[in-house]
Amino acid sequence: MIDLYYWTTPNGHKITIFLEETGLPYKIFPVNIGKGEQFAKSFLTFSPNNRIPAMIDHDPPGGGAPIPVFESGAMLLYLADKTKKFIAPDLRGRTETIEWLFWQMANLGPNSGQNNHFSNYAQEKIPYAMDRYRNEVNRLYGVLDRRLADHEYMAGAYSIADMATYPWIVPHERQGQNIADFPHIKRWLEAIKARPAVERAYAKAKEINPNLGGIRTAEERAILFGQTAASVQAAVR
């Protein structure tokens, strides 16, 4: 059994997609980030970056004590190795999958997050920041579209790289991107959306958080965007 500490964000969706694709038994423990539940002392014991998702595998490969894992990319890699699914077994294919997984973690995810913040959440609209991140996300869409022009999926076969990237492309309108400009991404997006496991993962998200989206309250804004080192230090005392 896997305990999944989850909220309905792109990084959270990555893991529910994988778990639904493989049928691994898991239980969701919602962590409402708008209420600051990610700063609970108990959560920080296995998710030291106070971010979701995180998980505890009670049946790790080889047995032994449960293994906690934080960071969504590390979780996907761990789960792929555990199940021997959605990552190529050969060195070249495995390397290719990991390259594109890291591309999402280091490029698409962070820049999309900043784009969303400055365009939709920041109370002070800063044109330079808005243009900077929207343009970088646009460049990254171009990178992905070029890749998908001659690959059905990001690393050949459907893999953890696609699972990591898909939830960050779903809100393309909110990112200020015209999906019609990227026909290969559009084809890929529709193919993944139609997968039954992906449908189930997003259905779970609606059950857990029916009120997705919307403008953050002042309290939520302070919790999500106003944290410093003192926030973590206070939680562990």
C-alpha atoms as a PDB file:
ATOM      1  CA  MET A   1       0.000   0.000   0.000  1.00  0.00           C
ATOM      2  CA  ILE A   2       1.160   3.509  -0.842  1.00  0.00           C
ATOM      3  CA  ASP A   3       0.092   6.485   1.229  1.00  0.00           C
ATOM      4  CA  LEU A   4      -0.110   9.430  -1.162  1.00  0.00           C
ATOM      5  CA  TYR A   5      -0.070  12.929   0.292  1.00  0.00           C
ATOM      6  CA  TYR A   6      -1.715  14.900  -2.448  1.00  0.00           C
ATOM      7  CA  TRP A   7      -3.436  18.039  -3.569  1.00  0.00           C
ATOM      8  CA  THR A   8      -5.033  18.816  -6.911  1.00  0.00           C
ATOM      9  CA  THR A   9      -2.070  20.472  -8.647  1.00  0.00           C
ATOM     10  CA  PRO A  10      -0.145  19.450 -11.770  1.00  0.00           C
ATOM     11  CA  ASN A  11       2.535  17.832  -9.605  1.00  0.00           C
ATOM     12  CA  GLY A  12      -0.111  15.937  -7.682  1.00  0.00           C
ATOM     13  CA  HIS A  13      -1.773  14.699 -10.877  1.00  0.00           C
ATOM     14  CA  LYS A  14       1.488  13.152 -12.073  1.00  0.00           C
ATOM     15  CA  ILE A  15       1.405  10.571  -9.315  1.00  0.00           C
ATOM     16  CA  THR A  16      -2.279   9.689  -9.430  1.00  0.00           C
ATOM     17  CA  ILE A  17      -1.904   9.130 -13.176  1.00  0.00           C
ATOM     18  CA  PHE A  18       0.949   6.682 -12.609  1.00  0.00           C
ATOM     19  CA  LEU A  19      -0.866   4.856  -9.818  1.00  0.00           C
ATOM     20  CA  GLU A  20      -4.030   4.558 -11.882  1.00  0.00           C
ATOM     21  CA  GLU A  21      -2.045   3.352 -14.907  1.00  0.00           C
ATOM     22  CA  THR A  22      -0.384   0.566 -12.929  1.00  0.00           C
ATOM     23  CA  GLY A  23      -3.155  -0.367 -10.504  1.00  0.00           C
ATOM     24  CA  LEU A  24      -0.870  -0.125  -7.485  1.00  0.00           C
ATOM     25  CA  PRO A  25      -2.930   0.019  -4.285  1.00  0.00           C
ATOM     26  CA  TYR A  26      -2.857   3.476  -2.743  1.00  0.00           C
ATOM     27  CA  LYS A  27      -4.685   5.714  -0.337  1.00  0.00           C
ATOM     28  CA  ILE A  28      -4.919   9.466  -0.742  1.00  0.00           C
ATOM     29  CA  PHE A  29      -4.313  11.779   2.199  1.00  0.00           C
ATOM     30  CA  PRO A  30      -5.393  15.254   1.043  1.00  0.00           C
ATOM     31  CA  VAL A  31      -3.050  18.102   1.984  1.00  0.00           C
ATOM     32  CA  ASN A  32      -4.918  21.359   1.430  1.00  0.00           C
ATOM     33  CA  ILE A  33      -2.135  23.756   0.524  1.00  0.00           C
ATOM     34  CA  GLY A  34      -4.479  26.749   0.626  1.00  0.00           C
ATOM     35  CA  LYS A  35      -4.989  26.082   4.337  1.00  0.00           C
ATOM     36  CA  GLY A  36      -1.278  25.566   5.029  1.00  0.00           C
ATOM     37  CA  GLU A  37      -1.546  21.856   5.843  1.00  0.00           C
ATOM     38  CA  GLN A  38       1.802  21.297   4.097  1.00  0.00           C
ATOM     39  CA  PHE A  39       3.490  22.997   7.038  1.00  0.00           C
ATOM     40  CA  ALA A  40       2.272  20.476   9.596  1.00  0.00           C
ATOM     41  CA  LYS A  41       5.134  19.059  11.643  1.00  0.00           C
ATOM     42  CA  SER A  42       4.084  15.486  10.845  1.00  0.00           C
ATOM     43  CA  PHE A  43       4.157  16.191   7.090  1.00  0.00           C
ATOM     44  CA  LEU A  44       7.608  17.764   7.260  1.00  0.00           C
ATOM     45  CA  THR A  45       9.073  14.548   8.666  1.00  0.00           C
ATOM     46  CA  PHE A  46       8.901  12.964   5.207  1.00  0.00           C
ATOM     47  CA  SER A  47       8.405  16.002   2.949  1.00  0.00           C
ATOM     48  CA  PRO A  48      11.104  18.417   4.160  1.00  0.00           C
ATOM     49  CA  ASN A  49      10.447  20.903   1.349  1.00  0.00           C
ATOM     50  CA  ASN A  50       6.857  21.310   2.617  1.00  0.00           C
ATOM     51  CA  ARG A  51       5.440  20.660  -0.822  1.00  0.00           C
ATOM     52  CA  ILE A  52       3.064  18.090  -2.246  1.00  0.00           C
ATOM     53  CA  PRO A  53       3.079  15.416  -3.444  1.00  0.00           C
ATOM     54  CA  ALA A  54       4.885  13.032  -1.142  1.00  0.00           C
ATOM     55  CA  MET A  55       4.358   9.368  -0.419  1.00  0.00           C
ATOM     56  CA  ILE A  56       5.208   6.485   1.862  1.00  0.00           C
ATOM     57  CA  ASP A  57       5.589   3.053   0.286  1.00  0.00           C
ATOM     58  CA  HIS A  58       4.682   0.405   2.851  1.00  0.00           C
ATOM     59  CA  ASP A  59       5.688  -2.406   0.504  1.00  0.00           C
ATOM     60  CA  PRO A  60       9.052  -1.342  -0.913  1.00  0.00           C
ATOM     61  CA  PRO A  61      11.039  -3.550  -3.280  1.00  0.00           C
ATOM     62  CA  GLY A  62      13.081  -6.015  -1.237  1.00  0.00           C
ATOM     63  CA  GLY A  63      10.912  -5.527   1.842  1.00  0.00           C
ATOM     64  CA  GLY A  64      11.988  -3.778   4.989  1.00  0.00           C
ATOM     65  CA  ALA A  65      10.790  -0.563   6.564  1.00  0.00           C
ATOM     66  CA  PRO A  66       8.472   1.775   4.638  1.00  0.00           C
ATOM     67  CA  ILE A  67      10.224   4.186   2.277  1.00  0.00           C
ATOM     68  CA  PRO A  68       9.139   7.839   2.160  1.00  0.00           C
ATOM     69  CA  VAL A  69       9.724   9.772  -1.056  1.00  0.00           C
ATOM     70  CA  PHE A  70       9.218  13.467  -1.807  1.00  0.00           C
ATOM     71  CA  GLU A  71       9.567  15.455  -5.061  1.00  0.00           C
ATOM     72  CA  SER A  72       7.263  14.352  -7.870  1.00  0.00           C
ATOM     73  CA  GLY A  73      10.057  13.477 -10.314  1.00  0.00           C
ATOM     74  CA  ALA A  74      11.796  11.298  -7.754  1.00  0.00           C
ATOM     75  CA  MET A  75       8.479   9.656  -6.957  1.00  0.00           C
ATOM     76  CA  LEU A  76       7.813   8.813 -10.606  1.00  0.00           C
ATOM     77  CA  LEU A  77      11.287   7.383 -11.037  1.00  0.00           C
ATOM     78  CA  TYR A  78      10.928   5.342  -7.842  1.00  0.00           C
ATOM     79  CA  LEU A  79       7.542   3.982  -8.912  1.00  0.00           C
ATOM     80  CA  ALA A  80       8.776   3.168 -12.424  1.00  0.00           C
ATOM     81  CA  ASP A  81      11.694   1.214 -10.984  1.00  0.00           C
ATOM     82  CA  LYS A  82       9.433  -0.508  -8.459  1.00  0.00           C
ATOM     83  CA  THR A  83       6.948  -1.682 -11.094  1.00  0.00           C
ATOM     84  CA  LYS A  84       9.323  -1.956 -14.066  1.00  0.00           C
ATOM     85  CA  LYS A  85       6.747   0.015 -16.041  1.00  0.00           C
ATOM     86  CA  PHE A  86       6.721   3.242 -18.032  1.00  0.00           C
ATOM     87  CA  ILE A  87      10.489   3.502 -18.295  1.00  0.00           C
ATOM     88  CA  ALA A  88      12.609   1.763 -20.911  1.00  0.00           C
ATOM     89  CA  PRO A  89      14.694  -1.168 -19.608  1.00  0.00           C
ATOM     90  CA  ASP A  90      17.703  -0.473 -21.841  1.00  0.00           C
ATOM     91  CA  LEU A  91      20.304   2.152 -20.968  1.00  0.00           C
ATOM     92  CA  ARG A  92      19.672   4.403 -23.966  1.00  0.00           C
ATOM     93  CA  GLY A  93      15.902   4.357 -23.599  1.00  0.00           C
ATOM     94  CA  ARG A  94      16.080   4.848 -19.832  1.00  0.00           C
ATOM     95  CA  THR A  95      18.432   7.802 -20.257  1.00  0.00           C
ATOM     96  CA  GLU A  96      16.115   9.381 -22.811  1.00  0.00           C
ATOM     97  CA  THR A  97      13.139   9.028 -20.472  1.00  0.00           C
ATOM     98  CA  ILE A  98      15.053  10.557 -17.562  1.00  0.00           C
ATOM     99  CA  GLU A  99      16.253  13.443 -19.749  1.00  0.00           C
ATOM    100  CA  TRP A 100      12.702  14.455 -20.596  1.00  0.00           C
ATOM    101  CA  LEU A 101      11.506  13.883 -17.041  1.00  0.00           C
ATOM    102  CA  PHE A 102      14.210  16.278 -15.830  1.00  0.00           C
ATOM    103  CA  TRP A 103      13.304  18.709 -18.629  1.00  0.00           C
ATOM    104  CA  GLN A 104       9.844  18.971 -17.158  1.00  0.00           C
ATOM    105  CA  MET A 105      11.108  19.256 -13.589  1.00  0.00           C
ATOM    106  CA  ALA A 106      13.752  21.896 -14.335  1.00  0.00           C
ATOM    107  CA  ASN A 107      12.149  23.858 -17.164  1.00  0.00           C
ATOM    108  CA  LEU A 108       8.474  23.444 -18.004  1.00  0.00           C
ATOM    109  CA  GLY A 109       7.209  23.150 -14.437  1.00  0.00           C
ATOM    110  CA  PRO A 110       9.098  26.035 -12.790  1.00  0.00           C
ATOM    111  CA  ASN A 111       8.590  28.448 -15.678  1.00  0.00           C
ATOM    112  CA  SER A 112       4.908  27.584 -16.013  1.00  0.00           C
ATOM    113  CA  GLY A 113       4.529  28.141 -12.290  1.00  0.00           C
ATOM    114  CA  GLN A 114       6.124  31.574 -12.479  1.00  0.00           C
ATOM    115  CA  ASN A 115       4.088  32.448 -15.556  1.00  0.00           C
ATOM    116  CA  ASN A 116       0.890  31.507 -13.754  1.00  0.00           C
ATOM    117  CA  HIS A 117       1.933  33.466 -10.673  1.00  0.00           C
ATOM    118  CA  PHE A 118       2.822  36.740 -12.364  1.00  0.00           C
ATOM    119  CA  SER A 119      -0.045  36.589 -14.874  1.00  0.00           C
ATOM    120  CA  ASN A 120      -2.857  35.370 -12.619  1.00  0.00           C
ATOM    121  CA  TYR A 121      -1.975  35.691  -8.943  1.00  0.00           C
ATOM    122  CA  ALA A 122       0.385  38.616  -8.462  1.00  0.00           C
ATOM    123  CA  GLN A 123      -1.520  41.668  -7.268  1.00  0.00           C
ATOM    124  CA  GLU A 124       1.058  43.951  -8.831  1.00  0.00           C
ATOM    125  CA  LYS A 125       1.181  43.348 -12.563  1.00  0.00           C
ATOM    126  CA  ILE A 126       4.785  43.585 -13.729  1.00  0.00           C
ATOM    127  CA  PRO A 127       4.924  43.561 -17.555  1.00  0.00           C
ATOM    128  CA  TYR A 128       8.564  42.477 -17.691  1.00  0.00           C
ATOM    129  CA  ALA A 129       7.938  39.426 -15.477  1.00  0.00           C
ATOM    130  CA  MET A 130       4.723  38.532 -17.299  1.00  0.00           C
ATOM    131  CA  ASP A 131       6.381  38.733 -20.714  1.00  0.00           C
ATOM    132  CA  ARG A 132       9.539  36.958 -19.543  1.00  0.00           C
ATOM    133  CA  TYR A 133       7.783  33.846 -18.294  1.00  0.00           C
ATOM    134  CA  ARG A 134       5.058  33.724 -20.937  1.00  0.00           C
ATOM    135  CA  ASN A 135       7.712  33.863 -23.646  1.00  0.00           C
ATOM    136  CA  GLU A 136       9.840  31.194 -21.969  1.00  0.00           C
ATOM    137  CA  VAL A 137       6.828  28.898 -21.657  1.00  0.00           C
ATOM    138  CA  ASN A 138       6.119  29.547 -25.324  1.00  0.00           C
ATOM    139  CA  ARG A 139       9.709  28.555 -26.163  1.00  0.00           C
ATOM    140  CA  LEU A 140       9.346  25.357 -24.131  1.00  0.00           C
ATOM    141  CA  TYR A 141       6.112  24.488 -25.938  1.00  0.00           C
ATOM    142  CA  GLY A 142       8.115  24.864 -29.132  1.00  0.00           C
ATOM    143  CA  VAL A 143      10.758  22.460 -27.823  1.00  0.00           C
ATOM    144  CA  LEU A 144       8.103  19.890 -26.960  1.00  0.00           C
ATOM    145  CA  ASP A 145       6.231  20.325 -30.241  1.00  0.00           C
ATOM    146  CA  ARG A 146       9.440  19.769 -32.205  1.00  0.00           C
ATOM    147  CA  ARG A 147      10.159  16.632 -30.183  1.00  0.00           C
ATOM    148  CA  LEU A 148       6.669  15.244 -30.761  1.00  0.00           C
ATOM    149  CA  ALA A 149       6.841  15.886 -34.496  1.00  0.00           C
ATOM    150  CA  ASP A 150       8.670  12.584 -34.947  1.00  0.00           C
ATOM    151  CA  HIS A 151       7.931  10.809 -31.650  1.00  0.00           C
ATOM    152  CA  GLU A 152       4.521   9.468 -30.630  1.00  0.00           C
ATOM    153  CA  TYR A 153       5.397  10.242 -27.024  1.00  0.00           C
ATOM    154  CA  MET A 154       8.241  12.176 -25.444  1.00  0.00           C
ATOM    155  CA  ALA A 155      10.636   9.250 -25.044  1.00  0.00           C
ATOM    156  CA  GLY A 156       9.210   6.978 -27.714  1.00  0.00           C
ATOM    157  CA  ALA A 157       6.745   4.822 -25.782  1.00  0.00           C
ATOM    158  CA  TYR A 158       4.342   6.374 -23.255  1.00  0.00           C
ATOM    159  CA  SER A 159       6.375   6.910 -20.094  1.00  0.00           C
ATOM    160  CA  ILE A 160       6.805   8.789 -16.840  1.00  0.00           C
ATOM    161  CA  ALA A 161       8.100  11.722 -18.901  1.00  0.00           C
ATOM    162  CA  ASP A 162       4.643  12.104 -20.470  1.00  0.00           C
ATOM    163  CA  MET A 163       2.919  11.675 -17.110  1.00  0.00           C
ATOM    164  CA  ALA A 164       5.075  14.434 -15.646  1.00  0.00           C
ATOM    165  CA  THR A 165       4.518  16.840 -18.518  1.00  0.00           C
ATOM    166  CA  TYR A 166       0.856  16.338 -19.389  1.00  0.00           C
ATOM    167  CA  PRO A 167      -0.631  18.026 -16.282  1.00  0.00           C
ATOM    168  CA  TRP A 168       1.465  21.114 -16.944  1.00  0.00           C
ATOM    169  CA  ILE A 169       0.212  21.397 -20.536  1.00  0.00           C
ATOM    170  CA  VAL A 170      -3.470  20.889 -19.695  1.00  0.00           C
ATOM    171  CA  PRO A 171      -3.885  24.542 -18.528  1.00  0.00           C
ATOM    172  CA  HIS A 172      -2.405  25.933 -21.763  1.00  0.00           C
ATOM    173  CA  GLU A 173      -5.033  28.663 -22.007  1.00  0.00           C
ATOM    174  CA  ARG A 174      -4.186  29.900 -18.516  1.00  0.00           C
ATOM    175  CA  GLN A 175      -0.550  29.885 -19.601  1.00  0.00           C
ATOM    176  CA  GLY A 176      -1.387  32.250 -22.456  1.00  0.00           C
ATOM    177  CA  GLN A 177      -0.540  29.646 -25.110  1.00  0.00           C
ATOM    178  CA  ASN A 178      -2.561  28.916 -28.243  1.00  0.00           C
ATOM    179  CA  ILE A 179      -2.533  25.132 -28.553  1.00  0.00           C
ATOM    180  CA  ALA A 180      -3.395  25.429 -32.269  1.00  0.00           C
ATOM    181  CA  ASP A 181       0.132  26.767 -32.773  1.00  0.00           C
ATOM    182  CA  PHE A 182       1.493  23.429 -31.589  1.00  0.00           C
ATOM    183  CA  PRO A 183      -0.234  20.677 -33.604  1.00  0.00           C
ATOM    184  CA  HIS A 184       2.007  17.868 -32.357  1.00  0.00           C
ATOM    185  CA  ILE A 185       1.381  18.801 -28.719  1.00  0.00           C
ATOM    186  CA  LYS A 186      -2.345  18.974 -29.478  1.00  0.00           C
ATOM    187  CA  ARG A 187      -2.295  15.435 -30.893  1.00  0.00           C
ATOM    188  CA  TRP A 188      -0.294  14.166 -27.882  1.00  0.00           C
ATOM    189  CA  LEU A 189      -2.522  16.003 -25.406  1.00  0.00           C
ATOM    190  CA  GLU A 190      -5.686  14.458 -26.825  1.00  0.00           C
ATOM    191  CA  ALA A 191      -4.175  10.968 -26.862  1.00  0.00           C
ATOM    192  CA  ILE A 192      -3.213  11.133 -23.179  1.00  0.00           C
ATOM    193  CA  LYS A 193      -6.500  12.747 -22.128  1.00  0.00           C
ATOM    194  CA  ALA A 194      -8.363   9.772 -23.635  1.00  0.00           C
ATOM    195  CA  ARG A 195      -6.504   7.198 -21.536  1.00  0.00           C
ATOM    196  CA  PRO A 196      -8.873   5.645 -18.951  1.00  0.00           C
ATOM    197  CA  ALA A 197      -6.280   5.925 -16.174  1.00  0.00           C
ATOM    198  CA  VAL A 198      -5.907   9.653 -16.828  1.00  0.00           C
ATOM    199  CA  GLU A 199      -9.677  10.083 -16.768  1.00  0.00           C
ATOM    200  CA  ARG A 200      -9.814   8.292 -13.406  1.00  0.00           C
ATOM    201  CA  ALA A 201      -6.981  10.399 -11.963  1.00  0.00           C
ATOM    202  CA  TYR A 202      -8.697  13.652 -12.854  1.00  0.00           C
ATOM    203  CA  ALA A 203     -12.032  12.370 -11.593  1.00  0.00           C
ATOM    204  CA  LYS A 204     -10.411  11.757  -8.204  1.00  0.00           C
ATOM    205  CA  ALA A 205      -9.141  15.334  -8.230  1.00  0.00           C
ATOM    206  CA  LYS A 206     -12.684  16.656  -8.647  1.00  0.00           C
ATOM    207  CA  GLU A 207     -13.895  14.477  -5.790  1.00  0.00           C
ATOM    208  CA  ILE A 208     -11.192  15.767  -3.456  1.00  0.00           C
ATOM    209  CA  ASN A 209     -11.331  19.415  -4.483  1.00  0.00           C
ATOM    210  CA  PRO A 210     -14.574  20.277  -6.303  1.00  0.00           C
ATOM    211  CA  ASN A 211     -13.761  23.994  -6.244  1.00  0.00           C
ATOM    212  CA  LEU A 212     -10.617  23.935  -8.352  1.00  0.00           C
ATOM    213  CA  GLY A 213      -9.321  27.295  -9.477  1.00  0.00           C
ATOM    214  CA  GLY A 214     -10.632  30.709  -8.525  1.00  0.00           C
ATOM    215  CA  ILE A 215      -9.025  33.778  -6.998  1.00  0.00           C
ATOM    216  CA  ARG A 216      -6.977  33.184  -3.871  1.00  0.00           C
ATOM    217  CA  THR A 217      -8.180  34.775  -0.666  1.00  0.00           C
ATOM    218  CA  ALA A 218      -5.840  37.062   1.247  1.00  0.00           C
ATOM    219  CA  GLU A 219      -5.261  34.229   3.724  1.00  0.00           C
ATOM    220  CA  GLU A 220      -4.468  31.713   0.989  1.00  0.00           C
ATOM    221  CA  ARG A 221      -2.201  34.232  -0.722  1.00  0.00           C
ATOM    222  CA  ALA A 222      -0.201  34.722   2.468  1.00  0.00           C
ATOM    223  CA  ILE A 223       0.103  30.964   3.003  1.00  0.00           C
ATOM    224  CA  LEU A 224       1.102  30.113  -0.560  1.00  0.00           C
ATOM    225  CA  PHE A 225       3.243  33.090  -1.490  1.00  0.00           C
ATOM    226  CA  GLY A 226       4.526  34.569   1.755  1.00  0.00           C
ATOM    227  CA  GLN A 227       6.580  31.782   3.287  1.00  0.00           C
ATOM    228  CA  THR A 228      10.208  32.133   4.365  1.00  0.00           C
ATOM    229  CA  ALA A 229      12.727  29.944   6.182  1.00  0.00           C
ATOM    230  CA  ALA A 230      11.035  30.936   9.425  1.00  0.00           C
ATOM    231  CA  SER A 231       7.871  29.144   8.286  1.00  0.00           C
ATOM    232  CA  VAL A 232       9.631  25.788   8.190  1.00  0.00           C
ATOM    233  CA  GLN A 233      11.662  26.430  11.307  1.00  0.00           C
ATOM    234  CA  ALA A 234       8.533  27.274  13.259  1.00  0.00           C
ATOM    235  CA  ALA A 235       6.809  24.096  12.081  1.00  0.00           C
ATOM    236  CA  VAL A 236       9.541  21.768  13.323  1.00  0.00           C
ATOM    237  CA  ARG A 237       9.875  23.265  16.785  1.00  0.00           C
END
